[in-house]
Amino acid sequence: MVRRDIKEDRLELLRGTLDMLILKTLLFGPTHGRGIANYIRQTTDNVLSVEHGSLYPALHRLERSGLISGKWETRAELSRELKYYRLTPAGRTQLRAESSKWNQLVTAITRVMRPTEA
């Protein structure tokens, strides 16, 4: 029996997809970087894992572009300060646009891969 490492089964994100996943995660409420990474990993059953080296540059890029805002906060259950990110109105608009493009892409690829299902 061949044991496969979970990392072998993980998929690489398509370029630009991480930003959309971050925006989608923040649609459910403010959270910190680790919370975003955990949400993506858990909701994809460990298929997608966002490394810190990719996540934090994306968060900074989205913050600079005004799509999210970040604020340092201390929560009672945690003993340290964490930066919580929130979706801005511009981020909601961007998420709608990115979701629409994503749905078009999925439909197009499905038509090629499974022409009888599309």
N, C-alpha and C. Protein backbone atom coordinates (compact mmCIF):
# COMPACT_ATOMS: atom_id res chain seq x y z
N MET A 1 0.84 -1.18 0.00
CA MET A 1 0.00 0.00 0.00
C MET A 1 0.88 1.23 0.00
N VAL A 2 0.59 2.15 -0.86
CA VAL A 2 1.37 3.37 -0.98
C VAL A 2 0.70 4.45 -0.15
N ARG A 3 1.45 5.01 0.78
CA ARG A 3 0.93 6.12 1.60
C ARG A 3 1.33 7.42 0.94
N ARG A 4 0.37 8.25 0.67
CA ARG A 4 0.65 9.53 0.05
C ARG A 4 0.61 10.63 1.10
N ASP A 5 1.56 11.51 1.00
CA ASP A 5 1.61 12.68 1.89
C ASP A 5 0.46 13.62 1.52
N ILE A 6 -0.16 14.21 2.53
CA ILE A 6 -1.26 15.13 2.28
C ILE A 6 -0.80 16.28 1.38
N LYS A 7 0.44 16.73 1.54
CA LYS A 7 0.93 17.83 0.71
C LYS A 7 0.93 17.46 -0.77
N GLU A 8 1.14 16.15 -1.08
CA GLU A 8 1.12 15.73 -2.48
C GLU A 8 -0.24 15.95 -3.11
N ASP A 9 -1.28 15.86 -2.30
CA ASP A 9 -2.64 15.99 -2.81
C ASP A 9 -3.11 17.44 -2.89
N ARG A 10 -2.35 18.34 -2.34
CA ARG A 10 -2.74 19.75 -2.39
C ARG A 10 -2.50 20.31 -3.78
N LEU A 11 -3.35 21.23 -4.15
CA LEU A 11 -3.26 21.83 -5.47
C LEU A 11 -2.68 23.23 -5.37
N GLU A 12 -2.00 23.64 -6.40
CA GLU A 12 -1.50 25.01 -6.47
C GLU A 12 -2.66 25.90 -6.88
N LEU A 13 -2.73 27.08 -6.29
CA LEU A 13 -3.76 28.03 -6.66
C LEU A 13 -3.42 28.67 -8.00
N LEU A 14 -4.44 28.90 -8.80
CA LEU A 14 -4.24 29.63 -10.03
C LEU A 14 -3.89 31.07 -9.69
N ARG A 15 -3.13 31.71 -10.54
CA ARG A 15 -2.74 33.10 -10.32
C ARG A 15 -3.99 33.97 -10.13
N GLY A 16 -4.00 34.77 -9.09
CA GLY A 16 -5.12 35.66 -8.81
C GLY A 16 -6.23 35.03 -7.99
N THR A 17 -6.19 33.73 -7.83
CA THR A 17 -7.24 33.03 -7.10
C THR A 17 -7.14 33.30 -5.60
N LEU A 18 -5.94 33.45 -5.08
CA LEU A 18 -5.77 33.67 -3.65
C LEU A 18 -6.49 34.95 -3.20
N ASP A 19 -6.36 36.01 -3.99
CA ASP A 19 -7.04 37.26 -3.63
C ASP A 19 -8.55 37.05 -3.51
N MET A 20 -9.12 36.32 -4.46
CA MET A 20 -10.55 36.05 -4.44
C MET A 20 -10.93 35.23 -3.21
N LEU A 21 -10.13 34.24 -2.87
CA LEU A 21 -10.42 33.40 -1.70
C LEU A 21 -10.32 34.21 -0.40
N ILE A 22 -9.37 35.12 -0.33
CA ILE A 22 -9.26 35.98 0.85
C ILE A 22 -10.49 36.87 0.96
N LEU A 23 -10.88 37.49 -0.14
CA LEU A 23 -12.07 38.36 -0.12
C LEU A 23 -13.30 37.56 0.29
N LYS A 24 -13.44 36.37 -0.25
CA LYS A 24 -14.59 35.53 0.10
C LYS A 24 -14.59 35.17 1.58
N THR A 25 -13.42 34.84 2.11
CA THR A 25 -13.32 34.49 3.53
C THR A 25 -13.73 35.67 4.40
N LEU A 26 -13.33 36.87 4.03
CA LEU A 26 -13.64 38.06 4.82
C LEU A 26 -15.10 38.47 4.67
N LEU A 27 -15.80 37.93 3.69
CA LEU A 27 -17.23 38.21 3.54
C LEU A 27 -17.99 37.74 4.78
N PHE A 28 -17.48 36.74 5.48
CA PHE A 28 -18.14 36.17 6.66
C PHE A 28 -17.79 36.92 7.94
N GLY A 29 -16.90 37.91 7.85
CA GLY A 29 -16.55 38.70 9.02
C GLY A 29 -15.06 38.90 9.13
N PRO A 30 -14.65 39.85 9.99
CA PRO A 30 -13.23 40.13 10.13
C PRO A 30 -12.48 38.96 10.75
N THR A 31 -11.27 38.77 10.31
CA THR A 31 -10.40 37.74 10.91
C THR A 31 -8.95 38.10 10.63
N HIS A 32 -8.07 37.39 11.29
CA HIS A 32 -6.63 37.61 11.14
C HIS A 32 -6.07 36.65 10.09
N GLY A 33 -4.80 36.83 9.75
CA GLY A 33 -4.18 36.03 8.69
C GLY A 33 -4.28 34.54 8.92
N ARG A 34 -3.97 34.11 10.14
CA ARG A 34 -4.03 32.67 10.42
C ARG A 34 -5.47 32.15 10.28
N GLY A 35 -6.44 32.98 10.68
CA GLY A 35 -7.84 32.58 10.54
C GLY A 35 -8.23 32.40 9.08
N ILE A 36 -7.71 33.29 8.23
CA ILE A 36 -7.99 33.18 6.80
C ILE A 36 -7.38 31.89 6.24
N ALA A 37 -6.12 31.64 6.58
CA ALA A 37 -5.45 30.42 6.09
C ALA A 37 -6.16 29.17 6.58
N ASN A 38 -6.56 29.16 7.86
CA ASN A 38 -7.26 28.00 8.41
C ASN A 38 -8.60 27.78 7.73
N TYR A 39 -9.33 28.86 7.49
CA TYR A 39 -10.64 28.73 6.84
C TYR A 39 -10.50 28.11 5.44
N ILE A 40 -9.54 28.60 4.68
CA ILE A 40 -9.33 28.07 3.33
C ILE A 40 -8.94 26.60 3.39
N ARG A 41 -8.02 26.26 4.30
CA ARG A 41 -7.58 24.87 4.42
C ARG A 41 -8.73 23.96 4.84
N GLN A 42 -9.48 24.40 5.84
CA GLN A 42 -10.56 23.55 6.36
C GLN A 42 -11.72 23.40 5.38
N THR A 43 -12.08 24.48 4.70
CA THR A 43 -13.22 24.37 3.77
C THR A 43 -12.87 23.61 2.51
N THR A 44 -11.58 23.42 2.24
CA THR A 44 -11.19 22.65 1.06
C THR A 44 -10.70 21.25 1.45
N ASP A 45 -10.99 20.83 2.68
CA ASP A 45 -10.55 19.52 3.18
C ASP A 45 -9.05 19.32 2.96
N ASN A 46 -8.27 20.34 3.27
CA ASN A 46 -6.80 20.31 3.19
C ASN A 46 -6.27 20.23 1.76
N VAL A 47 -7.11 20.44 0.77
CA VAL A 47 -6.62 20.42 -0.61
C VAL A 47 -5.83 21.70 -0.90
N LEU A 48 -6.32 22.82 -0.38
CA LEU A 48 -5.61 24.09 -0.56
C LEU A 48 -5.03 24.52 0.77
N SER A 49 -3.75 24.81 0.75
CA SER A 49 -3.07 25.30 1.95
C SER A 49 -2.32 26.56 1.56
N VAL A 50 -2.61 27.64 2.24
CA VAL A 50 -1.99 28.92 1.91
C VAL A 50 -0.79 29.13 2.81
N GLU A 51 0.35 29.24 2.20
CA GLU A 51 1.58 29.48 2.96
C GLU A 51 1.68 30.95 3.34
N HIS A 52 2.31 31.21 4.48
CA HIS A 52 2.46 32.59 4.94
C HIS A 52 3.18 33.46 3.91
N GLY A 53 4.13 32.86 3.19
CA GLY A 53 4.88 33.60 2.18
C GLY A 53 4.02 34.10 1.04
N SER A 54 2.86 33.50 0.86
CA SER A 54 1.92 33.95 -0.16
C SER A 54 0.80 34.78 0.45
N LEU A 55 0.36 34.39 1.65
CA LEU A 55 -0.79 35.04 2.27
C LEU A 55 -0.52 36.50 2.65
N TYR A 56 0.55 36.74 3.36
CA TYR A 56 0.76 38.10 3.86
C TYR A 56 1.06 39.12 2.77
N PRO A 57 1.83 38.76 1.74
CA PRO A 57 1.95 39.72 0.62
C PRO A 57 0.60 40.01 -0.04
N ALA A 58 -0.24 38.99 -0.15
CA ALA A 58 -1.58 39.20 -0.74
C ALA A 58 -2.42 40.12 0.15
N LEU A 59 -2.35 39.91 1.47
CA LEU A 59 -3.10 40.78 2.39
C LEU A 59 -2.62 42.22 2.28
N HIS A 60 -1.32 42.42 2.22
CA HIS A 60 -0.77 43.78 2.09
C HIS A 60 -1.20 44.41 0.76
N ARG A 61 -1.18 43.62 -0.31
CA ARG A 61 -1.57 44.12 -1.63
C ARG A 61 -3.05 44.51 -1.63
N LEU A 62 -3.90 43.67 -1.05
CA LEU A 62 -5.33 43.97 -1.00
C LEU A 62 -5.61 45.18 -0.11
N GLU A 63 -4.83 45.33 0.95
CA GLU A 63 -5.01 46.48 1.84
C GLU A 63 -4.58 47.78 1.13
N ARG A 64 -3.44 47.72 0.44
CA ARG A 64 -2.97 48.90 -0.30
C ARG A 64 -3.96 49.33 -1.38
N SER A 65 -4.63 48.35 -1.98
CA SER A 65 -5.58 48.67 -3.05
C SER A 65 -6.95 49.07 -2.52
N GLY A 66 -7.13 49.04 -1.19
CA GLY A 66 -8.39 49.48 -0.58
C GLY A 66 -9.49 48.43 -0.60
N LEU A 67 -9.16 47.20 -0.94
CA LEU A 67 -10.17 46.15 -1.00
C LEU A 67 -10.44 45.54 0.37
N ILE A 68 -9.46 45.66 1.27
CA ILE A 68 -9.63 45.24 2.66
C ILE A 68 -9.00 46.31 3.53
N SER A 69 -9.38 46.31 4.81
CA SER A 69 -8.72 47.19 5.77
C SER A 69 -8.25 46.33 6.93
N GLY A 70 -7.16 46.76 7.55
CA GLY A 70 -6.61 46.00 8.67
C GLY A 70 -6.49 46.86 9.90
N LYS A 71 -6.73 46.26 11.06
CA LYS A 71 -6.63 46.99 12.32
C LYS A 71 -6.09 46.04 13.39
N TRP A 72 -5.11 46.52 14.14
CA TRP A 72 -4.56 45.71 15.23
C TRP A 72 -5.54 45.69 16.38
N GLU A 73 -5.86 44.50 16.89
CA GLU A 73 -6.81 44.34 17.99
C GLU A 73 -6.33 43.26 18.94
N THR A 74 -6.73 43.41 20.19
CA THR A 74 -6.47 42.37 21.19
C THR A 74 -7.82 41.78 21.58
N ARG A 75 -7.95 40.50 21.46
CA ARG A 75 -9.18 39.81 21.85
C ARG A 75 -8.98 39.21 23.24
N ALA A 76 -10.05 39.17 24.01
CA ALA A 76 -9.97 38.69 25.38
C ALA A 76 -9.43 37.26 25.45
N GLU A 77 -9.81 36.41 24.49
CA GLU A 77 -9.39 35.02 24.52
C GLU A 77 -7.94 34.81 24.11
N LEU A 78 -7.35 35.85 23.53
CA LEU A 78 -5.95 35.76 23.11
C LEU A 78 -5.13 36.74 23.94
N SER A 79 -3.92 36.39 24.19
CA SER A 79 -3.08 37.26 25.02
C SER A 79 -2.20 38.18 24.20
N ARG A 80 -2.40 38.19 22.92
CA ARG A 80 -1.57 39.06 22.09
C ARG A 80 -2.40 39.79 21.05
N GLU A 81 -1.80 40.81 20.50
CA GLU A 81 -2.47 41.64 19.51
C GLU A 81 -2.34 40.99 18.13
N LEU A 82 -3.44 40.97 17.39
CA LEU A 82 -3.43 40.42 16.03
C LEU A 82 -4.05 41.44 15.10
N LYS A 83 -3.63 41.41 13.86
CA LYS A 83 -4.19 42.32 12.87
C LYS A 83 -5.41 41.66 12.24
N TYR A 84 -6.57 42.27 12.43
CA TYR A 84 -7.82 41.76 11.87
C TYR A 84 -8.12 42.50 10.57
N TYR A 85 -8.47 41.73 9.56
CA TYR A 85 -8.77 42.29 8.24
C TYR A 85 -10.27 42.26 8.01
N ARG A 86 -10.75 43.31 7.36
CA ARG A 86 -12.17 43.44 7.04
C ARG A 86 -12.33 43.75 5.55
N LEU A 87 -13.43 43.29 5.02
CA LEU A 87 -13.76 43.58 3.63
C LEU A 87 -14.31 45.00 3.54
N THR A 88 -13.85 45.78 2.60
CA THR A 88 -14.36 47.14 2.39
C THR A 88 -15.47 47.08 1.33
N PRO A 89 -16.23 48.16 1.18
CA PRO A 89 -17.23 48.17 0.09
C PRO A 89 -16.58 47.91 -1.28
N ALA A 90 -15.41 48.48 -1.51
CA ALA A 90 -14.71 48.21 -2.78
C ALA A 90 -14.34 46.73 -2.89
N GLY A 91 -14.00 46.12 -1.77
CA GLY A 91 -13.69 44.69 -1.76
C GLY A 91 -14.90 43.83 -2.10
N ARG A 92 -16.07 44.24 -1.60
CA ARG A 92 -17.31 43.51 -1.94
C ARG A 92 -17.58 43.58 -3.44
N THR A 93 -17.40 44.76 -4.00
CA THR A 93 -17.61 44.93 -5.44
C THR A 93 -16.61 44.07 -6.22
N GLN A 94 -15.35 44.08 -5.78
CA GLN A 94 -14.32 43.28 -6.45
C GLN A 94 -14.64 41.79 -6.34
N LEU A 95 -15.12 41.37 -5.17
CA LEU A 95 -15.47 39.95 -4.98
C LEU A 95 -16.59 39.53 -5.93
N ARG A 96 -17.59 40.38 -6.10
CA ARG A 96 -18.67 40.05 -7.05
C ARG A 96 -18.11 39.89 -8.47
N ALA A 97 -17.23 40.80 -8.87
CA ALA A 97 -16.64 40.74 -10.21
C ALA A 97 -15.78 39.48 -10.37
N GLU A 98 -14.96 39.19 -9.36
CA GLU A 98 -14.08 38.01 -9.44
C GLU A 98 -14.90 36.72 -9.42
N SER A 99 -15.96 36.69 -8.63
CA SER A 99 -16.82 35.49 -8.58
C SER A 99 -17.47 35.24 -9.93
N SER A 100 -17.90 36.31 -10.59
CA SER A 100 -18.51 36.18 -11.91
C SER A 100 -17.51 35.62 -12.92
N LYS A 101 -16.29 36.16 -12.91
CA LYS A 101 -15.25 35.66 -13.83
C LYS A 101 -14.94 34.20 -13.53
N TRP A 102 -14.88 33.87 -12.23
CA TRP A 102 -14.56 32.50 -11.83
C TRP A 102 -15.64 31.54 -12.33
N ASN A 103 -16.89 31.91 -12.17
CA ASN A 103 -17.99 31.05 -12.65
C ASN A 103 -17.93 30.86 -14.16
N GLN A 104 -17.59 31.91 -14.88
CA GLN A 104 -17.45 31.79 -16.34
C GLN A 104 -16.31 30.84 -16.69
N LEU A 105 -15.20 30.94 -15.96
CA LEU A 105 -14.05 30.07 -16.21
C LEU A 105 -14.41 28.61 -15.94
N VAL A 106 -15.06 28.36 -14.81
CA VAL A 106 -15.45 26.99 -14.46
C VAL A 106 -16.39 26.41 -15.52
N THR A 107 -17.35 27.19 -15.97
CA THR A 107 -18.28 26.73 -16.99
C THR A 107 -17.54 26.40 -18.29
N ALA A 108 -16.62 27.27 -18.68
CA ALA A 108 -15.87 27.05 -19.92
C ALA A 108 -15.00 25.80 -19.83
N ILE A 109 -14.31 25.63 -18.71
CA ILE A 109 -13.45 24.45 -18.55
C ILE A 109 -14.29 23.18 -18.49
N THR A 110 -15.43 23.24 -17.83
CA THR A 110 -16.32 22.07 -17.76
C THR A 110 -16.79 21.68 -19.15
N ARG A 111 -17.07 22.66 -19.99
CA ARG A 111 -17.51 22.36 -21.37
C ARG A 111 -16.43 21.62 -22.15
N VAL A 112 -15.18 21.93 -21.88
CA VAL A 112 -14.08 21.25 -22.58
C VAL A 112 -13.85 19.86 -21.99
N MET A 113 -13.84 19.79 -20.65
CA MET A 113 -13.49 18.53 -20.00
C MET A 113 -14.62 17.51 -20.01
N ARG A 114 -15.85 17.98 -19.90
CA ARG A 114 -17.02 17.09 -19.87
C ARG A 114 -18.10 17.66 -20.78
N PRO A 115 -17.92 17.57 -22.06
CA PRO A 115 -18.84 18.23 -22.98
C PRO A 115 -20.30 17.77 -22.85
N THR A 116 -20.53 16.59 -22.36
CA THR A 116 -21.91 16.13 -22.24
C THR A 116 -22.61 16.70 -21.02
N GLU A 117 -21.86 17.22 -20.03
CA GLU A 117 -22.44 17.77 -18.81
C GLU A 117 -22.74 19.26 -18.93
N ALA A 118 -22.08 19.94 -19.82
CA ALA A 118 -22.22 21.40 -19.90
C ALA A 118 -23.48 21.82 -20.62
